[in-house]
Amino acid sequence: MVFTWMIACFAAYNNAAIHSPLSAAHYFFPSSPTPRQRPMTPDDYCQEKAAPSGSSLYYSLLYQASEQRRAIIAVHAFGREVGAVVDDCRDDDIALQTLQWWRTEITRAYAGNATHPVCQALQPALAAFELPQMQFLHIIEGHERDLRQAAYTSFAELEIYCQHVAGALQQLTAKICGFQQPETLNYARKLGTAIQFSHLLRNRDTRRGKIYPPRDEVSQQAISQKDFIQARYGDNMQSLLAAHIARIDDYFGQALNLLPVQDRAAQRHSLILCAIHRALLKKWQQKRQKRRRKNNLHALNEQISLSPLHKLWIAWRTR
């Protein structure tokens, strides 16, 4: 069993190496430094921002053509930069002004006058892949919505936020990868929403008083904001988490059911990303159950990750 798994991983490496310019060490030891012999380009900046060696995005792009890979990384870097405005800025007024700056910057990019490295990297892709400007504005709008709301009153509100910040992003990458059937865009939006749900579940942001589970569902379980901040994982919290895990997994399933067979090959990147996030969700759930049996639920605050070899294996086997 182990031997078969190792053979599969080496096969994955050999196949991926054909499609990627990185050295062999980076597939199995992604932290290995790559000496830089030239000044950082906009593409380099985006790579370090969104798809560093060892990241989920990095492995999901192993089989992608170079032009598409650069464009997808630039789109994700845009999402990272805009999201960082909300995550890192403690002054809401400054954050809102910065988000407005990004609106102006993406307009400049469509005019060919971008000033930020991310939008400079995006410029060639905007026309080459006919990327709609409205999708970038949706991403900004979603993060602006998140900045203005300390909590979401219902699941419908939370879903709109996730569709904006991640559904729109996945639709952009779907266009870059190419598709024949328009239903593929619905798949991409649903997948992005599921990925964002999963991210919020595994990375709860209580430092800023942000509670992402819908307020009505939290109230039904008689859970307080202090329970989240102090990581009190009682039976009610466990019921809430179990319901959210089931919902997220169902969203992943719904997304996959929306993808037409004709477009599976073109959308391999997103299928790999989906498989990696489902594996992360499964690992988080297994750890949650294990800690619950041992009555040691505070460990749930630990970050969950997959090894580079595991991600490489997922990338190879996903078709």
Protein backbone atom coordinates (compact mmCIF):
# COMPACT_ATOMS: atom_id res chain seq x y z
CA MET A 1 0.00 0.00 0.00
CA VAL A 2 2.71 2.47 1.04
CA PHE A 3 4.90 1.36 -1.86
CA THR A 4 2.05 1.89 -4.33
CA TRP A 5 1.42 5.35 -2.89
CA MET A 6 5.11 6.27 -3.23
CA ILE A 7 5.15 5.07 -6.84
CA ALA A 8 2.10 7.24 -7.53
CA CYS A 9 3.82 10.28 -6.02
CA PHE A 10 6.95 9.75 -8.12
CA ALA A 11 4.76 9.37 -11.20
CA ALA A 12 3.07 12.62 -10.24
CA TYR A 13 6.45 14.31 -9.96
CA ASN A 14 7.63 13.03 -13.35
CA ASN A 15 4.43 14.15 -15.04
CA ALA A 16 4.32 17.54 -13.31
CA ALA A 17 7.98 18.24 -13.98
CA ILE A 18 7.23 18.26 -17.69
CA HIS A 19 4.74 21.10 -17.19
CA SER A 20 6.58 23.20 -14.62
CA PRO A 21 9.98 24.91 -14.75
CA LEU A 22 10.80 24.36 -11.08
CA SER A 23 13.52 21.98 -9.95
CA ALA A 24 12.77 18.54 -8.55
CA ALA A 25 13.52 19.67 -5.01
CA HIS A 26 10.57 22.03 -5.03
CA TYR A 27 8.02 19.25 -5.49
CA PHE A 28 9.06 17.35 -2.38
CA PHE A 29 10.84 20.09 -0.42
CA PRO A 30 8.93 23.26 -1.37
CA SER A 31 10.74 25.38 1.20
CA SER A 32 14.03 24.91 -0.68
CA PRO A 33 15.24 28.39 -1.64
CA THR A 34 15.33 29.40 -5.29
CA PRO A 35 18.19 31.81 -5.92
CA ARG A 36 17.00 35.01 -7.61
CA GLN A 37 19.35 36.25 -10.32
CA ARG A 38 17.19 39.14 -11.54
CA PRO A 39 14.95 41.88 -10.14
CA MET A 40 11.47 40.82 -9.04
CA THR A 41 8.91 41.08 -11.82
CA PRO A 42 5.14 41.54 -11.38
CA ASP A 43 4.73 37.80 -12.06
CA ASP A 44 7.31 37.00 -9.37
CA TYR A 45 5.44 39.22 -6.92
CA CYS A 46 2.16 37.42 -7.63
CA GLN A 47 3.82 34.01 -7.30
CA GLU A 48 5.15 34.86 -3.84
CA LYS A 49 1.87 36.45 -2.80
CA ALA A 50 -0.58 33.77 -3.97
CA ALA A 51 1.19 30.57 -4.97
CA PRO A 52 4.43 30.06 -3.03
CA SER A 53 6.04 26.64 -3.16
CA GLY A 54 4.03 24.17 -1.09
CA SER A 55 0.74 26.06 -1.24
CA SER A 56 -2.50 24.48 -2.41
CA LEU A 57 -2.65 26.82 -5.41
CA TYR A 58 0.92 25.91 -6.32
CA TYR A 59 0.09 22.21 -6.59
CA SER A 60 -3.24 22.80 -8.33
CA LEU A 61 -1.37 24.49 -11.19
CA LEU A 62 1.29 21.86 -11.86
CA TYR A 63 -0.38 20.71 -15.08
CA GLN A 64 -1.50 24.12 -16.33
CA ALA A 65 -0.04 25.80 -19.41
CA SER A 66 2.35 28.60 -18.47
CA GLU A 67 0.25 31.51 -19.81
CA GLN A 68 -2.84 30.25 -18.00
CA ARG A 69 -0.85 29.58 -14.85
CA ARG A 70 0.49 33.14 -14.72
CA ALA A 71 -2.98 34.57 -15.26
CA ILE A 72 -4.58 32.40 -12.57
CA ILE A 73 -1.87 33.29 -10.06
CA ALA A 74 -2.35 36.99 -10.81
CA VAL A 75 -6.12 36.68 -10.22
CA HIS A 76 -5.52 34.96 -6.90
CA ALA A 77 -2.91 37.57 -5.96
CA PHE A 78 -5.52 40.25 -6.61
CA GLY A 79 -7.90 38.45 -4.24
CA ARG A 80 -5.15 38.18 -1.63
CA GLU A 81 -4.24 41.85 -1.84
CA VAL A 82 -7.84 43.02 -1.54
CA GLY A 83 -8.55 40.57 1.28
CA ALA A 84 -5.48 41.76 3.16
CA VAL A 85 -6.97 45.26 3.30
CA VAL A 86 -9.77 43.95 5.51
CA ASP A 87 -7.63 41.49 7.46
CA ASP A 88 -4.71 43.76 8.26
CA CYS A 89 -6.10 47.29 8.50
CA ARG A 90 -7.49 48.20 11.92
CA ASP A 91 -8.94 51.55 10.80
CA ASP A 92 -12.16 50.94 8.86
CA ASP A 93 -12.11 54.34 7.16
CA ILE A 94 -8.60 53.76 5.82
CA ALA A 95 -9.58 50.25 4.73
CA LEU A 96 -12.58 51.59 2.80
CA GLN A 97 -10.39 54.20 1.11
CA THR A 98 -7.90 51.49 0.16
CA LEU A 99 -10.64 49.32 -1.32
CA GLN A 100 -11.75 52.32 -3.38
CA TRP A 101 -8.15 52.68 -4.56
CA TRP A 102 -8.28 49.08 -5.79
CA ARG A 103 -11.43 49.90 -7.76
CA THR A 104 -9.53 52.67 -9.47
CA GLU A 105 -6.49 50.46 -9.99
CA ILE A 106 -8.42 47.67 -11.73
CA THR A 107 -9.94 50.32 -14.02
CA ARG A 108 -6.41 51.51 -14.81
CA ALA A 109 -5.42 47.92 -15.55
CA TYR A 110 -8.18 47.59 -18.15
CA ALA A 111 -6.89 50.81 -19.71
CA GLY A 112 -3.34 49.41 -19.75
CA ASN A 113 -2.05 51.81 -17.08
CA ALA A 114 -1.79 49.66 -13.94
CA THR A 115 0.60 50.86 -11.23
CA HIS A 116 0.50 47.94 -8.75
CA PRO A 117 2.55 44.79 -9.55
CA VAL A 118 -0.53 42.57 -9.25
CA CYS A 119 -2.53 44.56 -11.78
CA GLN A 120 0.53 44.90 -14.01
CA ALA A 121 0.72 41.10 -14.05
CA LEU A 122 -3.02 40.93 -14.73
CA GLN A 123 -2.97 43.31 -17.71
CA PRO A 124 -2.01 40.77 -20.42
CA ALA A 125 -4.65 38.31 -19.17
CA LEU A 126 -7.54 40.78 -19.15
CA ALA A 127 -7.74 40.92 -22.93
CA ALA A 128 -6.23 37.52 -23.71
CA PHE A 129 -8.91 35.68 -21.72
CA GLU A 130 -11.67 38.31 -21.97
CA LEU A 131 -11.98 38.62 -18.21
CA PRO A 132 -15.00 40.75 -17.18
CA GLN A 133 -14.15 43.74 -15.01
CA MET A 134 -17.36 43.26 -13.04
CA GLN A 135 -15.97 40.09 -11.45
CA PHE A 136 -13.02 41.99 -9.98
CA LEU A 137 -15.43 44.63 -8.69
CA HIS A 138 -17.52 41.86 -7.09
CA ILE A 139 -14.43 40.69 -5.19
CA ILE A 140 -13.84 44.21 -3.87
CA GLU A 141 -17.52 44.63 -3.03
CA GLY A 142 -17.54 41.36 -1.10
CA HIS A 143 -14.61 42.41 1.07
CA GLU A 144 -16.21 45.82 1.57
CA ARG A 145 -19.37 44.05 2.76
CA ASP A 146 -17.26 41.99 5.15
CA LEU A 147 -15.65 45.13 6.53
CA ARG A 148 -19.01 46.72 7.28
CA GLN A 149 -20.56 43.67 8.97
CA ALA A 150 -19.42 42.33 12.34
CA ALA A 151 -21.65 39.28 11.83
CA TYR A 152 -24.03 37.81 9.27
CA THR A 153 -27.65 37.53 10.35
CA SER A 154 -28.48 34.58 8.10
CA PHE A 155 -26.87 31.96 5.90
CA ALA A 156 -28.21 33.77 2.82
CA GLU A 157 -26.16 36.86 3.76
CA LEU A 158 -23.04 34.78 4.35
CA GLU A 159 -23.51 33.02 1.03
CA ILE A 160 -23.67 36.33 -0.85
CA TYR A 161 -20.39 37.40 0.76
CA CYS A 162 -18.69 34.10 -0.19
CA GLN A 163 -20.04 34.26 -3.74
CA HIS A 164 -18.57 37.72 -4.17
CA VAL A 165 -15.09 37.19 -2.75
CA ALA A 166 -14.48 33.60 -3.91
CA GLY A 167 -17.22 32.66 -6.35
CA ALA A 168 -16.31 35.55 -8.63
CA LEU A 169 -12.62 34.67 -8.36
CA GLN A 170 -13.25 31.05 -9.39
CA GLN A 171 -15.35 32.20 -12.32
CA LEU A 172 -12.40 34.27 -13.52
CA THR A 173 -10.08 31.27 -13.31
CA ALA A 174 -12.68 29.11 -15.10
CA LYS A 175 -12.60 31.55 -18.02
CA ILE A 176 -8.81 31.40 -18.06
CA CYS A 177 -8.84 27.60 -18.16
CA GLY A 178 -11.52 27.59 -20.84
CA PHE A 179 -14.90 25.89 -21.13
CA GLN A 180 -17.48 24.85 -23.69
CA GLN A 181 -20.63 24.80 -21.57
CA PRO A 182 -21.93 27.93 -19.76
CA GLU A 183 -22.92 25.72 -16.80
CA THR A 184 -19.21 25.57 -15.96
CA LEU A 185 -19.43 29.14 -14.67
CA ASN A 186 -22.13 28.02 -12.20
CA TYR A 187 -19.81 25.20 -11.13
CA ALA A 188 -17.00 27.70 -10.57
CA ARG A 189 -19.16 30.04 -8.50
CA LYS A 190 -20.45 27.18 -6.34
CA LEU A 191 -16.92 25.80 -5.90
CA GLY A 192 -15.52 29.18 -4.89
CA THR A 193 -18.33 29.60 -2.38
CA ALA A 194 -17.60 26.16 -0.89
CA ILE A 195 -13.87 26.91 -0.65
CA GLN A 196 -14.57 30.18 1.15
CA PHE A 197 -16.99 28.45 3.55
CA SER A 198 -14.28 25.89 4.29
CA HIS A 199 -11.67 28.59 4.81
CA LEU A 200 -13.91 30.49 7.24
CA LEU A 201 -14.63 27.33 9.22
CA ARG A 202 -10.97 26.42 9.60
CA ASN A 203 -9.72 29.98 10.16
CA ARG A 204 -12.15 31.73 12.48
CA ASP A 205 -11.33 35.45 12.78
CA THR A 206 -12.27 36.34 16.34
CA ARG A 207 -9.44 38.83 16.85
CA ARG A 208 -11.53 41.55 15.22
CA GLY A 209 -14.75 40.35 16.82
CA LYS A 210 -15.72 38.72 13.53
CA ILE A 211 -18.10 35.77 13.85
CA TYR A 212 -18.88 34.09 10.53
CA PRO A 213 -21.49 31.44 11.43
CA PRO A 214 -24.91 33.08 10.82
CA ARG A 215 -26.31 34.84 13.87
CA ASP A 216 -29.65 33.02 13.68
CA GLU A 217 -27.95 29.61 13.75
CA VAL A 218 -25.64 30.69 16.58
CA SER A 219 -28.64 31.91 18.59
CA GLN A 220 -30.49 28.63 18.07
CA GLN A 221 -27.58 26.82 19.71
CA ALA A 222 -27.39 29.38 22.56
CA ILE A 223 -23.76 30.19 21.74
CA SER A 224 -22.27 33.57 22.64
CA GLN A 225 -19.52 35.59 20.98
CA LYS A 226 -17.39 34.93 24.04
CA ASP A 227 -17.69 31.19 23.36
CA PHE A 228 -16.01 31.75 20.00
CA ILE A 229 -13.34 34.10 21.30
CA GLN A 230 -12.43 31.82 24.22
CA ALA A 231 -12.78 28.66 22.10
CA ARG A 232 -15.38 27.01 24.32
CA TYR A 233 -16.26 23.83 22.46
CA GLY A 234 -19.28 22.49 24.31
CA ASP A 235 -22.00 20.26 22.89
CA ASN A 236 -23.86 23.19 21.32
CA MET A 237 -20.73 24.38 19.55
CA GLN A 238 -20.06 20.85 18.35
CA SER A 239 -23.56 20.63 16.88
CA LEU A 240 -23.05 23.93 15.07
CA LEU A 241 -19.68 22.84 13.67
CA ALA A 242 -21.05 19.46 12.56
CA ALA A 243 -23.89 21.16 10.70
CA HIS A 244 -21.50 23.53 8.97
CA ILE A 245 -19.13 20.74 7.96
CA ALA A 246 -22.02 18.79 6.43
CA ARG A 247 -23.21 21.89 4.58
CA ILE A 248 -19.76 22.68 3.19
CA ASP A 249 -19.23 19.11 2.00
CA ASP A 250 -22.64 19.24 0.35
CA TYR A 251 -21.62 22.45 -1.43
CA PHE A 252 -18.51 20.76 -2.80
CA GLY A 253 -20.69 17.92 -4.04
CA GLN A 254 -23.18 20.31 -5.64
CA ALA A 255 -20.34 22.11 -7.40
CA LEU A 256 -18.93 18.91 -8.88
CA ASN A 257 -22.38 17.88 -10.10
CA LEU A 258 -22.64 21.17 -12.01
CA LEU A 259 -19.43 20.64 -14.01
CA PRO A 260 -20.21 19.31 -17.52
CA VAL A 261 -18.21 16.25 -18.56
CA GLN A 262 -16.95 18.11 -21.64
CA ASP A 263 -15.16 20.66 -19.44
CA ARG A 264 -13.56 18.40 -16.82
CA ALA A 265 -10.20 18.22 -18.59
CA ALA A 266 -9.98 21.99 -19.07
CA GLN A 267 -10.99 22.60 -15.44
CA ARG A 268 -8.43 20.22 -13.93
CA HIS A 269 -6.84 23.05 -11.94
CA SER A 270 -10.06 23.78 -10.06
CA LEU A 271 -10.78 20.06 -9.60
CA ILE A 272 -7.39 19.67 -7.92
CA LEU A 273 -8.06 22.70 -5.74
CA CYS A 274 -11.45 21.23 -4.82
CA ALA A 275 -9.88 17.87 -3.89
CA ILE A 276 -7.23 19.54 -1.73
CA HIS A 277 -9.79 21.62 0.16
CA ARG A 278 -12.04 18.60 0.70
CA ALA A 279 -9.03 16.70 2.07
CA LEU A 280 -8.31 19.61 4.43
CA LEU A 281 -11.93 19.65 5.56
CA LYS A 282 -11.87 15.89 6.15
CA LYS A 283 -8.65 16.15 8.16
CA TRP A 284 -10.12 18.99 10.24
CA GLN A 285 -13.24 16.93 10.91
CA GLN A 286 -11.20 13.87 11.91
CA LYS A 287 -9.11 15.95 14.28
CA ARG A 288 -12.25 17.51 15.74
CA GLN A 289 -13.74 14.08 16.45
CA LYS A 290 -10.48 12.76 17.88
CA ARG A 291 -10.06 15.73 20.21
CA ARG A 292 -13.68 15.47 21.27
CA ARG A 293 -13.20 11.86 22.34
CA LYS A 294 -10.20 12.96 24.39
CA ASN A 295 -12.07 16.02 25.72
CA ASN A 296 -9.30 18.28 24.41
CA LEU A 297 -11.12 20.56 22.02
CA HIS A 298 -8.87 23.60 22.40
CA ALA A 299 -6.50 21.93 19.93
CA LEU A 300 -9.07 22.71 17.24
CA ASN A 301 -7.58 26.19 17.06
CA GLU A 302 -4.44 24.68 15.54
CA GLN A 303 -3.90 25.22 11.83
CA ILE A 304 -4.63 22.17 9.69
CA SER A 305 -2.42 21.45 6.68
CA LEU A 306 -1.49 18.72 4.24
CA SER A 307 2.06 17.68 3.48
CA PRO A 308 3.57 18.67 0.11
CA LEU A 309 3.72 14.99 -0.85
CA HIS A 310 0.02 14.56 -0.07
CA LYS A 311 -0.88 17.58 -2.20
CA LEU A 312 1.29 16.28 -5.03
CA TRP A 313 -0.48 12.92 -4.86
CA ILE A 314 -3.90 14.62 -4.94
CA ALA A 315 -2.84 16.69 -7.95
CA TRP A 316 -1.65 13.61 -9.83
CA ARG A 317 -4.72 11.47 -9.19
CA THR A 318 -7.34 14.19 -9.88
CA ARG A 319 -8.77 14.14 -13.38
